[in-house]
């Protein structure tokens, strides 16, 4: 590998770490979902589906210390508005929990606590409410 290629890879790694550590939990989930269910992330692309359905989705995510170290993740069942689209999002909670169980250690900026995440397909951006 040429020195210039090595330097580019090193720079890309630095930027990846820098920007990954500034993302909110909401952004992390949206980014992971954007790759679709068939990706290694395993989360359906629910932000795109919300836009298609013109729906809103609310989740409550709780992160706490585990008994044997590590973190415990609890993801509530999604609340979908309008309810007629609920079946499209039945798997989302389990998929997000599996993803966070596997990758949460990669995001040290995510603190313990309970977060209400609100995703909207009606507007231009998703919002996060309270902590």
C-alpha atoms as a PDB file:
ATOM      1  CA  UNK A   1       0.000   0.000   0.000  1.00  0.00           C
ATOM      2  CA  UNK A   2       1.318   3.391  -0.942  1.00  0.00           C
ATOM      3  CA  UNK A   3       1.937   5.944   1.769  1.00  0.00           C
ATOM      4  CA  UNK A   4      -0.724   8.297   0.341  1.00  0.00           C
ATOM      5  CA  UNK A   5      -3.340   5.500   0.437  1.00  0.00           C
ATOM      6  CA  UNK A   6      -2.404   4.707   4.014  1.00  0.00           C
ATOM      7  CA  UNK A   7      -2.745   8.381   4.991  1.00  0.00           C
ATOM      8  CA  UNK A   8      -6.172   8.581   3.335  1.00  0.00           C
ATOM      9  CA  UNK A   9      -7.364   5.491   5.203  1.00  0.00           C
ATOM     10  CA  UNK A  10      -6.011   6.893   8.455  1.00  0.00           C
ATOM     11  CA  UNK A  11      -7.827  10.196   7.844  1.00  0.00           C
ATOM     12  CA  UNK A  12     -11.081   8.394   6.980  1.00  0.00           C
ATOM     13  CA  UNK A  13     -10.826   6.398  10.208  1.00  0.00           C
ATOM     14  CA  UNK A  14     -10.311   9.593  12.246  1.00  0.00           C
ATOM     15  CA  UNK A  15     -13.338  11.296  10.663  1.00  0.00           C
ATOM     16  CA  UNK A  16     -15.448   8.180  11.125  1.00  0.00           C
ATOM     17  CA  UNK A  17     -14.667   8.103  14.827  1.00  0.00           C
ATOM     18  CA  UNK A  18     -15.124  11.855  15.232  1.00  0.00           C
ATOM     19  CA  UNK A  19     -18.543  12.003  13.612  1.00  0.00           C
ATOM     20  CA  UNK A  20     -19.829   8.708  15.026  1.00  0.00           C
ATOM     21  CA  UNK A  21     -19.241  10.076  18.516  1.00  0.00           C
ATOM     22  CA  UNK A  22     -21.391  13.159  17.918  1.00  0.00           C
ATOM     23  CA  UNK A  23     -24.515  11.345  16.719  1.00  0.00           C
ATOM     24  CA  UNK A  24     -27.605  11.155  18.892  1.00  0.00           C
ATOM     25  CA  UNK A  25     -29.348   7.860  19.532  1.00  0.00           C
ATOM     26  CA  UNK A  26     -32.039   8.915  17.080  1.00  0.00           C
ATOM     27  CA  UNK A  27     -29.488   9.584  14.328  1.00  0.00           C
ATOM     28  CA  UNK A  28     -27.737   6.280  15.001  1.00  0.00           C
ATOM     29  CA  UNK A  29     -31.008   4.362  14.650  1.00  0.00           C
ATOM     30  CA  UNK A  30     -32.054   6.270  11.518  1.00  0.00           C
ATOM     31  CA  UNK A  31     -28.669   5.658   9.891  1.00  0.00           C
ATOM     32  CA  UNK A  32     -28.736   1.954  10.704  1.00  0.00           C
ATOM     33  CA  UNK A  33     -32.305   1.621   9.403  1.00  0.00           C
ATOM     34  CA  UNK A  34     -31.497   3.414   6.164  1.00  0.00           C
ATOM     35  CA  UNK A  35     -29.542   0.351   4.977  1.00  0.00           C
ATOM     36  CA  UNK A  36     -32.635  -1.851   5.199  1.00  0.00           C
ATOM     37  CA  UNK A  37     -33.551  -5.119   6.840  1.00  0.00           C
ATOM     38  CA  UNK A  38     -31.349  -7.242   4.575  1.00  0.00           C
ATOM     39  CA  UNK A  39     -28.207  -5.412   5.686  1.00  0.00           C
ATOM     40  CA  UNK A  40     -26.092  -6.557   8.632  1.00  0.00           C
ATOM     41  CA  UNK A  41     -27.945  -3.971  10.741  1.00  0.00           C
ATOM     42  CA  UNK A  42     -31.183  -5.924  10.359  1.00  0.00           C
ATOM     43  CA  UNK A  43     -33.554  -2.971  10.800  1.00  0.00           C
ATOM     44  CA  UNK A  44     -36.293  -2.293   8.271  1.00  0.00           C
ATOM     45  CA  UNK A  45     -35.983   1.072   6.555  1.00  0.00           C
ATOM     46  CA  UNK A  46     -38.803   2.479   8.667  1.00  0.00           C
ATOM     47  CA  UNK A  47     -37.953   6.173   8.047  1.00  0.00           C
ATOM     48  CA  UNK A  48     -38.668   5.648   4.330  1.00  0.00           C
ATOM     49  CA  UNK A  49     -41.775   3.604   5.146  1.00  0.00           C
ATOM     50  CA  UNK A  50     -43.020   6.380   7.463  1.00  0.00           C
ATOM     51  CA  UNK A  51     -42.742   8.878   4.606  1.00  0.00           C
ATOM     52  CA  UNK A  52     -44.586   6.520   2.283  1.00  0.00           C
ATOM     53  CA  UNK A  53     -47.323   5.981   4.895  1.00  0.00           C
ATOM     54  CA  UNK A  54     -47.328   9.648   6.031  1.00  0.00           C
ATOM     55  CA  UNK A  55     -47.161   8.267   9.564  1.00  0.00           C
ATOM     56  CA  UNK A  56     -45.424   8.972  12.871  1.00  0.00           C
ATOM     57  CA  UNK A  57     -43.640   6.466  15.103  1.00  0.00           C
ATOM     58  CA  UNK A  58     -42.754   6.888  18.766  1.00  0.00           C
ATOM     59  CA  UNK A  59     -40.420   4.612  20.732  1.00  0.00           C
ATOM     60  CA  UNK A  60     -39.179   4.736  24.295  1.00  0.00           C
ATOM     61  CA  UNK A  61     -35.624   3.441  24.664  1.00  0.00           C
ATOM     62  CA  UNK A  62     -34.111   2.768  28.080  1.00  0.00           C
ATOM     63  CA  UNK A  63     -30.409   2.089  28.500  1.00  0.00           C
ATOM     64  CA  UNK A  64     -29.086   1.032  31.880  1.00  0.00           C
ATOM     65  CA  UNK A  65     -26.136  -0.787  33.441  1.00  0.00           C
ATOM     66  CA  UNK A  66     -26.352  -4.538  33.258  1.00  0.00           C
ATOM     67  CA  UNK A  67     -25.948  -6.774  36.292  1.00  0.00           C
ATOM     68  CA  UNK A  68     -22.764  -8.371  34.935  1.00  0.00           C
ATOM     69  CA  UNK A  69     -21.407  -5.179  33.380  1.00  0.00           C
ATOM     70  CA  UNK A  70     -22.250  -3.889  29.969  1.00  0.00           C
ATOM     71  CA  UNK A  71     -25.531  -2.226  29.135  1.00  0.00           C
ATOM     72  CA  UNK A  72     -29.132  -3.355  29.157  1.00  0.00           C
ATOM     73  CA  UNK A  73     -31.380  -2.035  26.382  1.00  0.00           C
ATOM     74  CA  UNK A  74     -35.172  -1.960  26.502  1.00  0.00           C
ATOM     75  CA  UNK A  75     -37.154  -0.727  23.505  1.00  0.00           C
ATOM     76  CA  UNK A  76     -40.902  -0.167  23.835  1.00  0.00           C
ATOM     77  CA  UNK A  77     -43.432  -1.314  21.290  1.00  0.00           C
ATOM     78  CA  UNK A  78     -43.844   1.360  18.641  1.00  0.00           C
ATOM     79  CA  UNK A  79     -46.754   3.750  18.803  1.00  0.00           C
ATOM     80  CA  UNK A  80     -47.861   4.455  15.238  1.00  0.00           C
ATOM     81  CA  UNK A  81     -50.103   7.292  14.114  1.00  0.00           C
ATOM     82  CA  UNK A  82     -52.331   6.564  12.263  1.00  0.00           C
ATOM     83  CA  UNK A  83     -52.799   3.131  13.839  1.00  0.00           C
ATOM     84  CA  UNK A  84     -53.916   1.619  10.533  1.00  0.00           C
ATOM     85  CA  UNK A  85     -50.209   1.320   9.579  1.00  0.00           C
ATOM     86  CA  UNK A  86     -49.125  -0.486  12.765  1.00  0.00           C
ATOM     87  CA  UNK A  87     -48.515  -3.827  11.047  1.00  0.00           C
ATOM     88  CA  UNK A  88     -45.815  -2.250   8.852  1.00  0.00           C
ATOM     89  CA  UNK A  89     -43.726  -1.579  11.973  1.00  0.00           C
ATOM     90  CA  UNK A  90     -44.401  -4.675  14.121  1.00  0.00           C
ATOM     91  CA  UNK A  91     -40.746  -5.835  14.035  1.00  0.00           C
ATOM     92  CA  UNK A  92     -39.067  -2.464  14.588  1.00  0.00           C
ATOM     93  CA  UNK A  93     -38.646  -2.664  18.387  1.00  0.00           C
ATOM     94  CA  UNK A  94     -36.983  -6.084  18.347  1.00  0.00           C
ATOM     95  CA  UNK A  95     -34.767  -5.127  15.428  1.00  0.00           C
ATOM     96  CA  UNK A  96     -33.590  -1.911  17.105  1.00  0.00           C
ATOM     97  CA  UNK A  97     -32.960  -3.747  20.392  1.00  0.00           C
ATOM     98  CA  UNK A  98     -30.825  -6.385  18.645  1.00  0.00           C
ATOM     99  CA  UNK A  99     -28.882  -3.689  16.824  1.00  0.00           C
ATOM    100  CA  UNK A 100     -28.239  -1.681  20.005  1.00  0.00           C
ATOM    101  CA  UNK A 101     -27.324  -4.795  22.012  1.00  0.00           C
ATOM    102  CA  UNK A 102     -24.685  -5.560  19.400  1.00  0.00           C
ATOM    103  CA  UNK A 103     -23.373  -2.053  18.611  1.00  0.00           C
ATOM    104  CA  UNK A 104     -24.038   0.226  21.597  1.00  0.00           C
ATOM    105  CA  UNK A 105     -20.426  -0.021  22.778  1.00  0.00           C
ATOM    106  CA  UNK A 106     -19.391   1.657  19.495  1.00  0.00           C
ATOM    107  CA  UNK A 107     -21.222   4.814  20.574  1.00  0.00           C
ATOM    108  CA  UNK A 108     -19.776   5.934  23.931  1.00  0.00           C
ATOM    109  CA  UNK A 109     -21.655   9.249  23.741  1.00  0.00           C
ATOM    110  CA  UNK A 110     -24.983   7.486  24.382  1.00  0.00           C
ATOM    111  CA  UNK A 111     -25.625   7.802  28.091  1.00  0.00           C
ATOM    112  CA  UNK A 112     -27.801   5.717  30.331  1.00  0.00           C
ATOM    113  CA  UNK A 113     -31.375   6.868  30.726  1.00  0.00           C
ATOM    114  CA  UNK A 114     -34.769   6.804  29.108  1.00  0.00           C
ATOM    115  CA  UNK A 115     -35.283   8.562  25.806  1.00  0.00           C
ATOM    116  CA  UNK A 116     -38.474   9.159  23.862  1.00  0.00           C
ATOM    117  CA  UNK A 117     -37.720   9.068  20.155  1.00  0.00           C
ATOM    118  CA  UNK A 118     -40.243  10.482  17.711  1.00  0.00           C
ATOM    119  CA  UNK A 119     -39.840   9.737  14.024  1.00  0.00           C
ATOM    120  CA  UNK A 120     -42.088  11.468  11.535  1.00  0.00           C
ATOM    121  CA  UNK A 121     -42.798  10.711   7.914  1.00  0.00           C
ATOM    122  CA  UNK A 122     -44.918  13.837   7.558  1.00  0.00           C
ATOM    123  CA  UNK A 123     -42.256  16.513   7.804  1.00  0.00           C
ATOM    124  CA  UNK A 124     -38.759  16.939   6.481  1.00  0.00           C
ATOM    125  CA  UNK A 125     -36.840  15.750   9.566  1.00  0.00           C
ATOM    126  CA  UNK A 126     -37.405  13.485  12.536  1.00  0.00           C
ATOM    127  CA  UNK A 127     -37.499  14.965  15.977  1.00  0.00           C
ATOM    128  CA  UNK A 128     -36.415  13.814  19.395  1.00  0.00           C
ATOM    129  CA  UNK A 129     -38.494  14.712  22.410  1.00  0.00           C
ATOM    130  CA  UNK A 130     -37.215  14.927  25.945  1.00  0.00           C
ATOM    131  CA  UNK A 131     -34.880  12.761  27.837  1.00  0.00           C
END
